[in-house]
C-alpha atoms as a PDB file:
ATOM      1  CA  MET A   1     -22.239 -28.826 -20.852  1.00  0.00           C
ATOM      2  CA  SER A   2     -22.898 -26.142 -18.231  1.00  0.00           C
ATOM      3  CA  HIS A   3     -22.349 -27.044 -14.609  1.00  0.00           C
ATOM      4  CA  GLY A   4     -23.410 -23.677 -13.220  1.00  0.00           C
ATOM      5  CA  PRO A   5     -21.491 -21.584 -10.745  1.00  0.00           C
ATOM      6  CA  ALA A   6     -19.017 -23.280  -8.409  1.00  0.00           C
ATOM      7  CA  ALA A   7     -20.410 -21.400  -5.415  1.00  0.00           C
ATOM      8  CA  VAL A   8     -23.317 -19.118  -4.707  1.00  0.00           C
ATOM      9  CA  TRP A   9     -22.270 -15.720  -3.403  1.00  0.00           C
ATOM     10  CA  LYS A  10     -24.762 -13.705  -1.434  1.00  0.00           C
ATOM     11  CA  GLU A  11     -22.807 -10.486  -1.891  1.00  0.00           C
ATOM     12  CA  ASP A  12     -19.567  -9.478  -3.564  1.00  0.00           C
ATOM     13  CA  LYS A  13     -17.322  -8.182  -0.780  1.00  0.00           C
ATOM     14  CA  ALA A  14     -14.712  -6.937  -3.249  1.00  0.00           C
ATOM     15  CA  LEU A  15     -16.962  -4.021  -4.207  1.00  0.00           C
ATOM     16  CA  ASP A  16     -17.001  -2.411  -0.774  1.00  0.00           C
ATOM     17  CA  LYS A  17     -16.477   1.350  -1.092  1.00  0.00           C
ATOM     18  CA  ARG A  18     -14.588   1.551   2.211  1.00  0.00           C
ATOM     19  CA  LYS A  19     -11.889  -0.781   0.900  1.00  0.00           C
ATOM     20  CA  SER A  20     -11.606   1.205  -2.313  1.00  0.00           C
ATOM     21  CA  ARG A  21     -11.311   4.477  -0.400  1.00  0.00           C
ATOM     22  CA  LEU A  22      -8.693   3.010   1.931  1.00  0.00           C
ATOM     23  CA  GLY A  23      -6.709   1.742  -1.046  1.00  0.00           C
ATOM     24  CA  VAL A  24      -6.771   5.162  -2.695  1.00  0.00           C
ATOM     25  CA  VAL A  25      -5.713   6.911   0.527  1.00  0.00           C
ATOM     26  CA  MET A  26      -2.801   4.500   0.993  1.00  0.00           C
ATOM     27  CA  PHE A  27      -1.819   4.935  -2.651  1.00  0.00           C
ATOM     28  CA  VAL A  28      -1.755   8.726  -2.233  1.00  0.00           C
ATOM     29  CA  ILE A  29       0.350   8.438   0.945  1.00  0.00           C
ATOM     30  CA  TYR A  30       2.882   6.217  -0.821  1.00  0.00           C
ATOM     31  CA  THR A  31       2.880   8.419  -3.930  1.00  0.00           C
ATOM     32  CA  VAL A  32       3.637  11.555  -1.883  1.00  0.00           C
ATOM     33  CA  ILE A  33       6.557   9.849  -0.128  1.00  0.00           C
ATOM     34  CA  TYR A  34       7.866   8.473  -3.432  1.00  0.00           C
ATOM     35  CA  ALA A  35       7.473  11.915  -5.023  1.00  0.00           C
ATOM     36  CA  GLY A  36       9.690  13.245  -2.224  1.00  0.00           C
ATOM     37  CA  PHE A  37      12.342  10.737  -3.284  1.00  0.00           C
ATOM     38  CA  LEU A  38      12.077  11.890  -6.896  1.00  0.00           C
ATOM     39  CA  ILE A  39      12.089  15.588  -6.001  1.00  0.00           C
ATOM     40  CA  ILE A  40      15.223  15.186  -3.884  1.00  0.00           C
ATOM     41  CA  ASN A  41      16.935  13.417  -6.787  1.00  0.00           C
ATOM     42  CA  VAL A  42      15.933  16.060  -9.315  1.00  0.00           C
ATOM     43  CA  TRP A  43      16.299  19.171  -7.151  1.00  0.00           C
ATOM     44  CA  ASP A  44      19.527  18.438  -5.283  1.00  0.00           C
ATOM     45  CA  ASN A  45      20.930  14.956  -5.788  1.00  0.00           C
ATOM     46  CA  GLN A  46      23.888  15.750  -3.500  1.00  0.00           C
ATOM     47  CA  ILE A  47      21.544  15.042  -0.583  1.00  0.00           C
ATOM     48  CA  MET A  48      21.458  11.397  -1.617  1.00  0.00           C
ATOM     49  CA  ARG A  49      25.224  11.149  -1.048  1.00  0.00           C
ATOM     50  CA  ILE A  50      25.003  12.033   2.640  1.00  0.00           C
ATOM     51  CA  SER A  51      26.090   9.118   4.806  1.00  0.00           C
ATOM     52  CA  ILE A  52      23.802   7.568   7.394  1.00  0.00           C
ATOM     53  CA  GLY A  53      26.006   5.131   9.223  1.00  0.00           C
ATOM     54  CA  SER A  54      27.625   2.971   6.565  1.00  0.00           C
ATOM     55  CA  LEU A  55      24.880   3.665   3.987  1.00  0.00           C
ATOM     56  CA  ASN A  56      23.881   6.761   2.076  1.00  0.00           C
ATOM     57  CA  VAL A  57      20.495   8.509   1.991  1.00  0.00           C
ATOM     58  CA  ALA A  58      19.558   6.990  -1.378  1.00  0.00           C
ATOM     59  CA  ILE A  59      19.900   3.423  -0.121  1.00  0.00           C
ATOM     60  CA  VAL A  60      18.127   4.131   3.162  1.00  0.00           C
ATOM     61  CA  TYR A  61      15.290   5.987   1.417  1.00  0.00           C
ATOM     62  CA  GLY A  62      14.959   3.168  -1.111  1.00  0.00           C
ATOM     63  CA  PHE A  63      14.694   0.530   1.600  1.00  0.00           C
ATOM     64  CA  VAL A  64      12.195   2.709   3.471  1.00  0.00           C
ATOM     65  CA  LEU A  65      10.049   2.836   0.328  1.00  0.00           C
ATOM     66  CA  ILE A  66      10.136  -0.947  -0.022  1.00  0.00           C
ATOM     67  CA  VAL A  67       9.344  -1.563   3.646  1.00  0.00           C
ATOM     68  CA  LEU A  68       6.609   1.094   3.577  1.00  0.00           C
ATOM     69  CA  ALA A  69       4.936  -0.637   0.631  1.00  0.00           C
ATOM     70  CA  LEU A  70       4.953  -3.933   2.520  1.00  0.00           C
ATOM     71  CA  VAL A  71       3.650  -2.341   5.725  1.00  0.00           C
ATOM     72  CA  LEU A  72       0.843  -0.567   3.860  1.00  0.00           C
ATOM     73  CA  ALA A  73      -0.110  -3.843   2.177  1.00  0.00           C
ATOM     74  CA  ILE A  74      -0.243  -5.668   5.518  1.00  0.00           C
ATOM     75  CA  ILE A  75      -2.309  -2.877   7.090  1.00  0.00           C
ATOM     76  CA  TYR A  76      -4.683  -2.860   4.110  1.00  0.00           C
ATOM     77  CA  ASN A  77      -5.098  -6.624   4.278  1.00  0.00           C
ATOM     78  CA  HIS A  78      -5.737  -6.556   8.035  1.00  0.00           C
ATOM     79  CA  ILE A  79      -8.299  -3.735   7.861  1.00  0.00           C
ATOM     80  CA  CYS A  80     -10.143  -5.263   4.901  1.00  0.00           C
ATOM     81  CA  THR A  81     -10.215  -8.741   6.417  1.00  0.00           C
ATOM     82  CA  SER A  82     -11.527  -7.327   9.699  1.00  0.00           C
ATOM     83  CA  ALA A  83     -14.192  -5.349   7.821  1.00  0.00           C
ATOM     84  CA  GLU A  84     -15.331  -8.479   5.968  1.00  0.00           C
ATOM     85  CA  LYS A  85     -15.565 -10.429   9.220  1.00  0.00           C
ATOM     86  CA  LEU A  86     -17.660  -7.652  10.752  1.00  0.00           C
ATOM     87  CA  THR A  87     -20.092  -7.676   7.829  1.00  0.00           C
ATOM     88  CA  VAL A  88     -20.499 -11.463   8.174  1.00  0.00           C
ATOM     89  CA  VAL A  89     -21.347 -11.158  11.877  1.00  0.00           C
ATOM     90  CA  LYS A  90     -24.117  -8.605  11.274  1.00  0.00           C
END
């Protein structure tokens, strides 16, 4: 009992090389910043004890990593959605 495909796709927009390249670039950016966090912890973990206001560097850096991941995801989504809309207009 085959009903066929639910929708007919003219092209698969998920396979766009620009989106893949952008994703890899953003991954490398995040990885370098996260590696900095790890290197500071391994090389001289006393740096993480330095106070920034009422918090220490470890907490601030950790929150920066979380917020950075969210910001990169929003930027990626915006750029990819805009690119898909541009390809539809053509």
